[in-house]
Amino acid sequence: YQQKKYSEGNINVENNNLILGSTL
């Protein structure tokens, strides 16, 4: 699970990424 939040100027960005069943 990866969550990333950042802002550039007036733009607020949030990424919520979930990698399920990562299998080798």
mmCIF file of all heavy atoms, coordinates in Angstrom:
data_MODEL
# 
_entry.id   MODEL 
# 
loop_
_atom_site.group_PDB 
_atom_site.id 
_atom_site.type_symbol 
_atom_site.label_atom_id 
_atom_site.label_alt_id 
_atom_site.label_comp_id 
_atom_site.label_asym_id 
_atom_site.label_entity_id 
_atom_site.label_seq_id 
_atom_site.pdbx_PDB_ins_code 
_atom_site.Cartn_x 
_atom_site.Cartn_y 
_atom_site.Cartn_z 
_atom_site.occupancy 
_atom_site.B_iso_or_equiv 
_atom_site.pdbx_formal_charge 
_atom_site.auth_seq_id 
_atom_site.auth_comp_id 
_atom_site.auth_asym_id 
_atom_site.auth_atom_id 
_atom_site.pdbx_PDB_model_num 
ATOM 1   N N   . TYR A 1 1  ? 0.863  -1.191  0.000   1.00 0.00 ? 1  TYR A N   1 
ATOM 2   C CA  . TYR A 1 1  ? 0.000  0.000   0.000   1.00 0.00 ? 1  TYR A CA  1 
ATOM 3   C C   . TYR A 1 1  ? 0.893  1.233   0.000   1.00 0.00 ? 1  TYR A C   1 
ATOM 4   O O   . TYR A 1 1  ? 1.810  1.344   0.808   1.00 0.00 ? 1  TYR A O   1 
ATOM 5   C CB  . TYR A 1 1  ? -0.921 0.031   1.221   1.00 0.00 ? 1  TYR A CB  1 
ATOM 6   C CG  . TYR A 1 1  ? -1.715 1.322   1.312   1.00 0.00 ? 1  TYR A CG  1 
ATOM 7   C CD1 . TYR A 1 1  ? -2.781 1.573   0.450   1.00 0.00 ? 1  TYR A CD1 1 
ATOM 8   C CD2 . TYR A 1 1  ? -1.376 2.310   2.235   1.00 0.00 ? 1  TYR A CD2 1 
ATOM 9   C CE1 . TYR A 1 1  ? -3.490 2.760   0.517   1.00 0.00 ? 1  TYR A CE1 1 
ATOM 10  C CE2 . TYR A 1 1  ? -2.077 3.495   2.317   1.00 0.00 ? 1  TYR A CE2 1 
ATOM 11  C CZ  . TYR A 1 1  ? -3.134 3.707   1.446   1.00 0.00 ? 1  TYR A CZ  1 
ATOM 12  O OH  . TYR A 1 1  ? -3.835 4.894   1.511   1.00 0.00 ? 1  TYR A OH  1 
ATOM 13  N N   . GLN A 1 2  ? 0.617  2.152   -0.906  1.00 0.00 ? 2  GLN A N   1 
ATOM 14  C CA  . GLN A 1 2  ? 1.429  3.357   -1.041  1.00 0.00 ? 2  GLN A CA  1 
ATOM 15  C C   . GLN A 1 2  ? 0.512  4.578   -1.091  1.00 0.00 ? 2  GLN A C   1 
ATOM 16  O O   . GLN A 1 2  ? -0.429 4.616   -1.891  1.00 0.00 ? 2  GLN A O   1 
ATOM 17  C CB  . GLN A 1 2  ? 2.266  3.289   -2.314  1.00 0.00 ? 2  GLN A CB  1 
ATOM 18  C CG  . GLN A 1 2  ? 3.199  4.476   -2.506  1.00 0.00 ? 2  GLN A CG  1 
ATOM 19  C CD  . GLN A 1 2  ? 3.951  4.390   -3.819  1.00 0.00 ? 2  GLN A CD  1 
ATOM 20  O OE1 . GLN A 1 2  ? 3.336  4.341   -4.880  1.00 0.00 ? 2  GLN A OE1 1 
ATOM 21  N NE2 . GLN A 1 2  ? 5.263  4.372   -3.751  1.00 0.00 ? 2  GLN A NE2 1 
ATOM 22  N N   . GLN A 1 3  ? 0.788  5.532   -0.240  1.00 0.00 ? 3  GLN A N   1 
ATOM 23  C CA  . GLN A 1 3  ? 0.045  6.790   -0.254  1.00 0.00 ? 3  GLN A CA  1 
ATOM 24  C C   . GLN A 1 3  ? 1.031  7.941   -0.400  1.00 0.00 ? 3  GLN A C   1 
ATOM 25  O O   . GLN A 1 3  ? 2.032  8.010   0.315   1.00 0.00 ? 3  GLN A O   1 
ATOM 26  C CB  . GLN A 1 3  ? -0.764 6.970   1.032   1.00 0.00 ? 3  GLN A CB  1 
ATOM 27  C CG  . GLN A 1 3  ? -1.630 8.238   1.015   1.00 0.00 ? 3  GLN A CG  1 
ATOM 28  C CD  . GLN A 1 3  ? -2.367 8.437   2.333   1.00 0.00 ? 3  GLN A CD  1 
ATOM 29  O OE1 . GLN A 1 3  ? -1.747 8.668   3.358   1.00 0.00 ? 3  GLN A OE1 1 
ATOM 30  N NE2 . GLN A 1 3  ? -3.686 8.339   2.297   1.00 0.00 ? 3  GLN A NE2 1 
ATOM 31  N N   . LYS A 1 4  ? 0.736  8.816   -1.326  1.00 0.00 ? 4  LYS A N   1 
ATOM 32  C CA  . LYS A 1 4  ? 1.622  9.948   -1.585  1.00 0.00 ? 4  LYS A CA  1 
ATOM 33  C C   . LYS A 1 4  ? 0.778  11.200  -1.717  1.00 0.00 ? 4  LYS A C   1 
ATOM 34  O O   . LYS A 1 4  ? -0.191 11.236  -2.477  1.00 0.00 ? 4  LYS A O   1 
ATOM 35  C CB  . LYS A 1 4  ? 2.427  9.706   -2.866  1.00 0.00 ? 4  LYS A CB  1 
ATOM 36  C CG  . LYS A 1 4  ? 3.455  10.781  -3.170  1.00 0.00 ? 4  LYS A CG  1 
ATOM 37  C CD  . LYS A 1 4  ? 4.255  10.432  -4.416  1.00 0.00 ? 4  LYS A CD  1 
ATOM 38  C CE  . LYS A 1 4  ? 5.325  11.470  -4.710  1.00 0.00 ? 4  LYS A CE  1 
ATOM 39  N NZ  . LYS A 1 4  ? 6.098  11.137  -5.934  1.00 0.00 ? 4  LYS A NZ  1 
ATOM 40  N N   . LYS A 1 5  ? 1.159  12.223  -0.990  1.00 0.00 ? 5  LYS A N   1 
ATOM 41  C CA  . LYS A 1 5  ? 0.485  13.521  -1.064  1.00 0.00 ? 5  LYS A CA  1 
ATOM 42  C C   . LYS A 1 5  ? 1.518  14.610  -1.303  1.00 0.00 ? 5  LYS A C   1 
ATOM 43  O O   . LYS A 1 5  ? 2.581  14.607  -0.680  1.00 0.00 ? 5  LYS A O   1 
ATOM 44  C CB  . LYS A 1 5  ? -0.270 13.830  0.232   1.00 0.00 ? 5  LYS A CB  1 
ATOM 45  C CG  . LYS A 1 5  ? -1.436 12.907  0.524   1.00 0.00 ? 5  LYS A CG  1 
ATOM 46  C CD  . LYS A 1 5  ? -2.145 13.322  1.807   1.00 0.00 ? 5  LYS A CD  1 
ATOM 47  C CE  . LYS A 1 5  ? -3.329 12.434  2.111   1.00 0.00 ? 5  LYS A CE  1 
ATOM 48  N NZ  . LYS A 1 5  ? -4.044 12.846  3.358   1.00 0.00 ? 5  LYS A NZ  1 
ATOM 49  N N   . TYR A 1 6  ? 1.206  15.496  -2.220  1.00 0.00 ? 6  TYR A N   1 
ATOM 50  C CA  . TYR A 1 6  ? 2.110  16.607  -2.470  1.00 0.00 ? 6  TYR A CA  1 
ATOM 51  C C   . TYR A 1 6  ? 1.330  17.748  -3.113  1.00 0.00 ? 6  TYR A C   1 
ATOM 52  O O   . TYR A 1 6  ? 0.189  17.580  -3.570  1.00 0.00 ? 6  TYR A O   1 
ATOM 53  C CB  . TYR A 1 6  ? 3.292  16.179  -3.352  1.00 0.00 ? 6  TYR A CB  1 
ATOM 54  C CG  . TYR A 1 6  ? 2.914  15.703  -4.730  1.00 0.00 ? 6  TYR A CG  1 
ATOM 55  C CD1 . TYR A 1 6  ? 2.865  16.574  -5.822  1.00 0.00 ? 6  TYR A CD1 1 
ATOM 56  C CD2 . TYR A 1 6  ? 2.615  14.362  -4.958  1.00 0.00 ? 6  TYR A CD2 1 
ATOM 57  C CE1 . TYR A 1 6  ? 2.521  16.136  -7.091  1.00 0.00 ? 6  TYR A CE1 1 
ATOM 58  C CE2 . TYR A 1 6  ? 2.279  13.911  -6.214  1.00 0.00 ? 6  TYR A CE2 1 
ATOM 59  C CZ  . TYR A 1 6  ? 2.230  14.800  -7.276  1.00 0.00 ? 6  TYR A CZ  1 
ATOM 60  O OH  . TYR A 1 6  ? 1.884  14.355  -8.523  1.00 0.00 ? 6  TYR A OH  1 
ATOM 61  N N   . SER A 1 7  ? 1.950  18.882  -3.141  1.00 0.00 ? 7  SER A N   1 
ATOM 62  C CA  . SER A 1 7  ? 1.319  20.064  -3.735  1.00 0.00 ? 7  SER A CA  1 
ATOM 63  C C   . SER A 1 7  ? 2.338  20.814  -4.564  1.00 0.00 ? 7  SER A C   1 
ATOM 64  O O   . SER A 1 7  ? 3.519  20.888  -4.216  1.00 0.00 ? 7  SER A O   1 
ATOM 65  C CB  . SER A 1 7  ? 0.738  20.976  -2.648  1.00 0.00 ? 7  SER A CB  1 
ATOM 66  O OG  . SER A 1 7  ? 1.759  21.425  -1.770  1.00 0.00 ? 7  SER A OG  1 
ATOM 67  N N   . GLU A 1 8  ? 1.872  21.344  -5.674  1.00 0.00 ? 8  GLU A N   1 
ATOM 68  C CA  . GLU A 1 8  ? 2.677  22.197  -6.546  1.00 0.00 ? 8  GLU A CA  1 
ATOM 69  C C   . GLU A 1 8  ? 1.853  23.433  -6.882  1.00 0.00 ? 8  GLU A C   1 
ATOM 70  O O   . GLU A 1 8  ? 0.876  23.345  -7.624  1.00 0.00 ? 8  GLU A O   1 
ATOM 71  C CB  . GLU A 1 8  ? 3.071  21.448  -7.824  1.00 0.00 ? 8  GLU A CB  1 
ATOM 72  C CG  . GLU A 1 8  ? 4.177  20.430  -7.635  1.00 0.00 ? 8  GLU A CG  1 
ATOM 73  C CD  . GLU A 1 8  ? 4.647  19.836  -8.952  1.00 0.00 ? 8  GLU A CD  1 
ATOM 74  O OE1 . GLU A 1 8  ? 3.780  19.484  -9.764  1.00 0.00 ? 8  GLU A OE1 1 
ATOM 75  O OE2 . GLU A 1 8  ? 5.864  19.759  -9.174  1.00 0.00 ? 8  GLU A OE2 1 
ATOM 76  N N   . GLY A 1 9  ? 2.241  24.534  -6.287  1.00 0.00 ? 9  GLY A N   1 
ATOM 77  C CA  . GLY A 1 9  ? 1.464  25.747  -6.486  1.00 0.00 ? 9  GLY A CA  1 
ATOM 78  C C   . GLY A 1 9  ? 0.077  25.597  -5.885  1.00 0.00 ? 9  GLY A C   1 
ATOM 79  O O   . GLY A 1 9  ? -0.079 25.284  -4.704  1.00 0.00 ? 9  GLY A O   1 
ATOM 80  N N   . ASN A 1 10 ? -0.958 25.787  -6.714  1.00 0.00 ? 10 ASN A N   1 
ATOM 81  C CA  . ASN A 1 10 ? -2.335 25.678  -6.249  1.00 0.00 ? 10 ASN A CA  1 
ATOM 82  C C   . ASN A 1 10 ? -2.929 24.293  -6.467  1.00 0.00 ? 10 ASN A C   1 
ATOM 83  O O   . ASN A 1 10 ? -4.122 24.085  -6.251  1.00 0.00 ? 10 ASN A O   1 
ATOM 84  C CB  . ASN A 1 10 ? -3.199 26.721  -6.974  1.00 0.00 ? 10 ASN A CB  1 
ATOM 85  C CG  . ASN A 1 10 ? -2.789 28.139  -6.641  1.00 0.00 ? 10 ASN A CG  1 
ATOM 86  O OD1 . ASN A 1 10 ? -2.375 28.426  -5.501  1.00 0.00 ? 10 ASN A OD1 1 
ATOM 87  N ND2 . ASN A 1 10 ? -2.879 29.045  -7.620  1.00 0.00 ? 10 ASN A ND2 1 
ATOM 88  N N   . ILE A 1 11 ? -2.125 23.343  -6.906  1.00 0.00 ? 11 ILE A N   1 
ATOM 89  C CA  . ILE A 1 11 ? -2.618 22.000  -7.201  1.00 0.00 ? 11 ILE A CA  1 
ATOM 90  C C   . ILE A 1 11 ? -2.226 21.055  -6.067  1.00 0.00 ? 11 ILE A C   1 
ATOM 91  O O   . ILE A 1 11 ? -1.057 20.911  -5.734  1.00 0.00 ? 11 ILE A O   1 
ATOM 92  C CB  . ILE A 1 11 ? -2.038 21.471  -8.532  1.00 0.00 ? 11 ILE A CB  1 
ATOM 93  C CG1 . ILE A 1 11 ? -2.421 22.403  -9.685  1.00 0.00 ? 11 ILE A CG1 1 
ATOM 94  C CG2 . ILE A 1 11 ? -2.539 20.057  -8.807  1.00 0.00 ? 11 ILE A CG2 1 
ATOM 95  C CD1 . ILE A 1 11 ? -1.814 22.008  -11.004 1.00 0.00 ? 11 ILE A CD1 1 
ATOM 96  N N   . ASN A 1 12 ? -3.248 20.423  -5.461  1.00 0.00 ? 12 ASN A N   1 
ATOM 97  C CA  . ASN A 1 12 ? -3.033 19.429  -4.421  1.00 0.00 ? 12 ASN A CA  1 
ATOM 98  C C   . ASN A 1 12 ? -3.298 18.039  -5.003  1.00 0.00 ? 12 ASN A C   1 
ATOM 99  O O   . ASN A 1 12 ? -4.361 17.781  -5.563  1.00 0.00 ? 12 ASN A O   1 
ATOM 100 C CB  . ASN A 1 12 ? -3.968 19.680  -3.236  1.00 0.00 ? 12 ASN A CB  1 
ATOM 101 C CG  . ASN A 1 12 ? -3.699 21.018  -2.570  1.00 0.00 ? 12 ASN A CG  1 
ATOM 102 O OD1 . ASN A 1 12 ? -2.539 21.373  -2.336  1.00 0.00 ? 12 ASN A OD1 1 
ATOM 103 N ND2 . ASN A 1 12 ? -4.756 21.766  -2.271  1.00 0.00 ? 12 ASN A ND2 1 
ATOM 104 N N   . VAL A 1 13 ? -2.323 17.162  -4.854  1.00 0.00 ? 13 VAL A N   1 
ATOM 105 C CA  . VAL A 1 13 ? -2.410 15.833  -5.460  1.00 0.00 ? 13 VAL A CA  1 
ATOM 106 C C   . VAL A 1 13 ? -2.275 14.770  -4.375  1.00 0.00 ? 13 VAL A C   1 
ATOM 107 O O   . VAL A 1 13 ? -1.448 14.886  -3.471  1.00 0.00 ? 13 VAL A O   1 
ATOM 108 C CB  . VAL A 1 13 ? -1.316 15.624  -6.524  1.00 0.00 ? 13 VAL A CB  1 
ATOM 109 C CG1 . VAL A 1 13 ? -1.409 14.221  -7.123  1.00 0.00 ? 13 VAL A CG1 1 
ATOM 110 C CG2 . VAL A 1 13 ? -1.426 16.680  -7.615  1.00 0.00 ? 13 VAL A CG2 1 
ATOM 111 N N   . GLU A 1 14 ? -3.102 13.739  -4.473  1.00 0.00 ? 14 GLU A N   1 
ATOM 112 C CA  . GLU A 1 14 ? -3.020 12.589  -3.579  1.00 0.00 ? 14 GLU A CA  1 
ATOM 113 C C   . GLU A 1 14 ? -3.127 11.309  -4.399  1.00 0.00 ? 14 GLU A C   1 
ATOM 114 O O   . GLU A 1 14 ? -4.058 11.142  -5.187  1.00 0.00 ? 14 GLU A O   1 
ATOM 115 C CB  . GLU A 1 14 ? -4.129 12.616  -2.526  1.00 0.00 ? 14 GLU A CB  1 
ATOM 116 C CG  . GLU A 1 14 ? -4.105 11.402  -1.606  1.00 0.00 ? 14 GLU A CG  1 
ATOM 117 C CD  . GLU A 1 14 ? -5.215 11.441  -0.557  1.00 0.00 ? 14 GLU A CD  1 
ATOM 118 O OE1 . GLU A 1 14 ? -5.797 12.525  -0.357  1.00 0.00 ? 14 GLU A OE1 1 
ATOM 119 O OE2 . GLU A 1 14 ? -5.502 10.388  0.044   1.00 0.00 ? 14 GLU A OE2 1 
ATOM 120 N N   . ASN A 1 15 ? -2.164 10.406  -4.221  1.00 0.00 ? 15 ASN A N   1 
ATOM 121 C CA  . ASN A 1 15 ? -2.185 9.107   -4.890  1.00 0.00 ? 15 ASN A CA  1 
ATOM 122 C C   . ASN A 1 15 ? -2.309 8.011   -3.837  1.00 0.00 ? 15 ASN A C   1 
ATOM 123 O O   . ASN A 1 15 ? -1.522 7.954   -2.894  1.00 0.00 ? 15 ASN A O   1 
ATOM 124 C CB  . ASN A 1 15 ? -0.898 8.879   -5.696  1.00 0.00 ? 15 ASN A CB  1 
ATOM 125 C CG  . ASN A 1 15 ? -0.793 9.814   -6.881  1.00 0.00 ? 15 ASN A CG  1 
ATOM 126 O OD1 . ASN A 1 15 ? -1.779 10.124  -7.532  1.00 0.00 ? 15 ASN A OD1 1 
ATOM 127 N ND2 . ASN A 1 15 ? 0.408  10.284  -7.166  1.00 0.00 ? 15 ASN A ND2 1 
ATOM 128 N N   . ASN A 1 16 ? -3.311 7.135   -4.002  1.00 0.00 ? 16 ASN A N   1 
ATOM 129 C CA  . ASN A 1 16 ? -3.485 5.976   -3.135  1.00 0.00 ? 16 ASN A CA  1 
ATOM 130 C C   . ASN A 1 16 ? -3.384 4.722   -4.015  1.00 0.00 ? 16 ASN A C   1 
ATOM 131 O O   . ASN A 1 16 ? -4.289 4.449   -4.814  1.00 0.00 ? 16 ASN A O   1 
ATOM 132 C CB  . ASN A 1 16 ? -4.840 6.011   -2.433  1.00 0.00 ? 16 ASN A CB  1 
ATOM 133 C CG  . ASN A 1 16 ? -4.956 7.195   -1.485  1.00 0.00 ? 16 ASN A CG  1 
ATOM 134 O OD1 . ASN A 1 16 ? -4.092 7.405   -0.649  1.00 0.00 ? 16 ASN A OD1 1 
ATOM 135 N ND2 . ASN A 1 16 ? -6.007 7.976   -1.624  1.00 0.00 ? 16 ASN A ND2 1 
ATOM 136 N N   . ASN A 1 17 ? -2.294 3.991   -3.886  1.00 0.00 ? 17 ASN A N   1 
ATOM 137 C CA  . ASN A 1 17 ? -2.052 2.822   -4.722  1.00 0.00 ? 17 ASN A CA  1 
ATOM 138 C C   . ASN A 1 17 ? -2.004 1.570   -3.861  1.00 0.00 ? 17 ASN A C   1 
ATOM 139 O O   . ASN A 1 17 ? -1.325 1.526   -2.836  1.00 0.00 ? 17 ASN A O   1 
ATOM 140 C CB  . ASN A 1 17 ? -0.737 2.962   -5.487  1.00 0.00 ? 17 ASN A CB  1 
ATOM 141 C CG  . ASN A 1 17 ? -0.754 4.148   -6.436  1.00 0.00 ? 17 ASN A CG  1 
ATOM 142 O OD1 . ASN A 1 17 ? -1.789 4.504   -6.993  1.00 0.00 ? 17 ASN A OD1 1 
ATOM 143 N ND2 . ASN A 1 17 ? 0.393  4.778   -6.619  1.00 0.00 ? 17 ASN A ND2 1 
ATOM 144 N N   . LEU A 1 18 ? -2.737 0.540   -4.300  1.00 0.00 ? 18 LEU A N   1 
ATOM 145 C CA  . LEU A 1 18 ? -2.759 -0.749  -3.610  1.00 0.00 ? 18 LEU A CA  1 
ATOM 146 C C   . LEU A 1 18 ? -2.385 -1.838  -4.614  1.00 0.00 ? 18 LEU A C   1 
ATOM 147 O O   . LEU A 1 18 ? -3.053 -2.001  -5.643  1.00 0.00 ? 18 LEU A O   1 
ATOM 148 C CB  . LEU A 1 18 ? -4.140 -1.022  -3.021  1.00 0.00 ? 18 LEU A CB  1 
ATOM 149 C CG  . LEU A 1 18 ? -4.310 -2.358  -2.286  1.00 0.00 ? 18 LEU A CG  1 
ATOM 150 C CD1 . LEU A 1 18 ? -3.378 -2.419  -1.075  1.00 0.00 ? 18 LEU A CD1 1 
ATOM 151 C CD2 . LEU A 1 18 ? -5.754 -2.561  -1.868  1.00 0.00 ? 18 LEU A CD2 1 
ATOM 152 N N   . ILE A 1 19 ? -1.294 -2.550  -4.331  1.00 0.00 ? 19 ILE A N   1 
ATOM 153 C CA  . ILE A 1 19 ? -0.865 -3.661  -5.175  1.00 0.00 ? 19 ILE A CA  1 
ATOM 154 C C   . ILE A 1 19 ? -1.208 -4.945  -4.436  1.00 0.00 ? 19 ILE A C   1 
ATOM 155 O O   . ILE A 1 19 ? -0.615 -5.272  -3.406  1.00 0.00 ? 19 ILE A O   1 
ATOM 156 C CB  . ILE A 1 19 ? 0.641  -3.589  -5.483  1.00 0.00 ? 19 ILE A CB  1 
ATOM 157 C CG1 . ILE A 1 19 ? 0.950  -2.309  -6.269  1.00 0.00 ? 19 ILE A CG1 1 
ATOM 158 C CG2 . ILE A 1 19 ? 1.097  -4.814  -6.270  1.00 0.00 ? 19 ILE A CG2 1 
ATOM 159 C CD1 . ILE A 1 19 ? 2.426  -2.090  -6.533  1.00 0.00 ? 19 ILE A CD1 1 
ATOM 160 N N   . LEU A 1 20 ? -2.195 -5.693  -4.965  1.00 0.00 ? 20 LEU A N   1 
ATOM 161 C CA  . LEU A 1 20 ? -2.672 -6.922  -4.349  1.00 0.00 ? 20 LEU A CA  1 
ATOM 162 C C   . LEU A 1 20 ? -2.104 -8.129  -5.084  1.00 0.00 ? 20 LEU A C   1 
ATOM 163 O O   . LEU A 1 20 ? -1.894 -8.096  -6.291  1.00 0.00 ? 20 LEU A O   1 
ATOM 164 C CB  . LEU A 1 20 ? -4.199 -6.977  -4.387  1.00 0.00 ? 20 LEU A CB  1 
ATOM 165 C CG  . LEU A 1 20 ? -4.941 -5.963  -3.518  1.00 0.00 ? 20 LEU A CG  1 
ATOM 166 C CD1 . LEU A 1 20 ? -6.426 -5.975  -3.849  1.00 0.00 ? 20 LEU A CD1 1 
ATOM 167 C CD2 . LEU A 1 20 ? -4.727 -6.267  -2.049  1.00 0.00 ? 20 LEU A CD2 1 
ATOM 168 N N   . GLY A 1 21 ? -1.905 -9.203  -4.362  1.00 0.00 ? 21 GLY A N   1 
ATOM 169 C CA  . GLY A 1 21 ? -1.472 -10.443 -4.992  1.00 0.00 ? 21 GLY A CA  1 
ATOM 170 C C   . GLY A 1 21 ? -0.156 -10.318 -5.721  1.00 0.00 ? 21 GLY A C   1 
ATOM 171 O O   . GLY A 1 21 ? 0.056  -10.978 -6.745  1.00 0.00 ? 21 GLY A O   1 
ATOM 172 N N   . SER A 1 22 ? 0.727  -9.456  -5.223  1.00 0.00 ? 22 SER A N   1 
ATOM 173 C CA  . SER A 1 22 ? 2.060  -9.351  -5.820  1.00 0.00 ? 22 SER A CA  1 
ATOM 174 C C   . SER A 1 22 ? 2.760  -10.697 -5.633  1.00 0.00 ? 22 SER A C   1 
ATOM 175 O O   . SER A 1 22 ? 3.098  -11.077 -4.513  1.00 0.00 ? 22 SER A O   1 
ATOM 176 C CB  . SER A 1 22 ? 2.848  -8.221  -5.154  1.00 0.00 ? 22 SER A CB  1 
ATOM 177 O OG  . SER A 1 22 ? 4.144  -8.145  -5.671  1.00 0.00 ? 22 SER A OG  1 
ATOM 178 N N   . THR A 1 23 ? 2.948  -11.427 -6.713  1.00 0.00 ? 23 THR A N   1 
ATOM 179 C CA  . THR A 1 23 ? 3.329  -12.832 -6.623  1.00 0.00 ? 23 THR A CA  1 
ATOM 180 C C   . THR A 1 23 ? 4.571  -13.136 -7.443  1.00 0.00 ? 23 THR A C   1 
ATOM 181 O O   . THR A 1 23 ? 4.694  -12.706 -8.586  1.00 0.00 ? 23 THR A O   1 
ATOM 182 C CB  . THR A 1 23 ? 2.174  -13.728 -7.115  1.00 0.00 ? 23 THR A CB  1 
ATOM 183 O OG1 . THR A 1 23 ? 1.004  -13.446 -6.355  1.00 0.00 ? 23 THR A OG1 1 
ATOM 184 C CG2 . THR A 1 23 ? 2.528  -15.199 -6.957  1.00 0.00 ? 23 THR A CG2 1 
ATOM 185 N N   . LEU A 1 24 ? 5.478  -13.896 -6.851  1.00 0.00 ? 24 LEU A N   1 
ATOM 186 C CA  . LEU A 1 24 ? 6.624  -14.460 -7.548  1.00 0.00 ? 24 LEU A CA  1 
ATOM 187 C C   . LEU A 1 24 ? 6.600  -15.967 -7.332  1.00 0.00 ? 24 LEU A C   1 
ATOM 188 O O   . LEU A 1 24 ? 6.612  -16.441 -6.194  1.00 0.00 ? 24 LEU A O   1 
ATOM 189 C CB  . LEU A 1 24 ? 7.938  -13.881 -7.025  1.00 0.00 ? 24 LEU A CB  1 
ATOM 190 C CG  . LEU A 1 24 ? 9.225  -14.476 -7.614  1.00 0.00 ? 24 LEU A CG  1 
ATOM 191 C CD1 . LEU A 1 24 ? 9.309  -14.192 -9.119  1.00 0.00 ? 24 LEU A CD1 1 
ATOM 192 C CD2 . LEU A 1 24 ? 10.452 -13.933 -6.903  1.00 0.00 ? 24 LEU A CD2 1 
# 
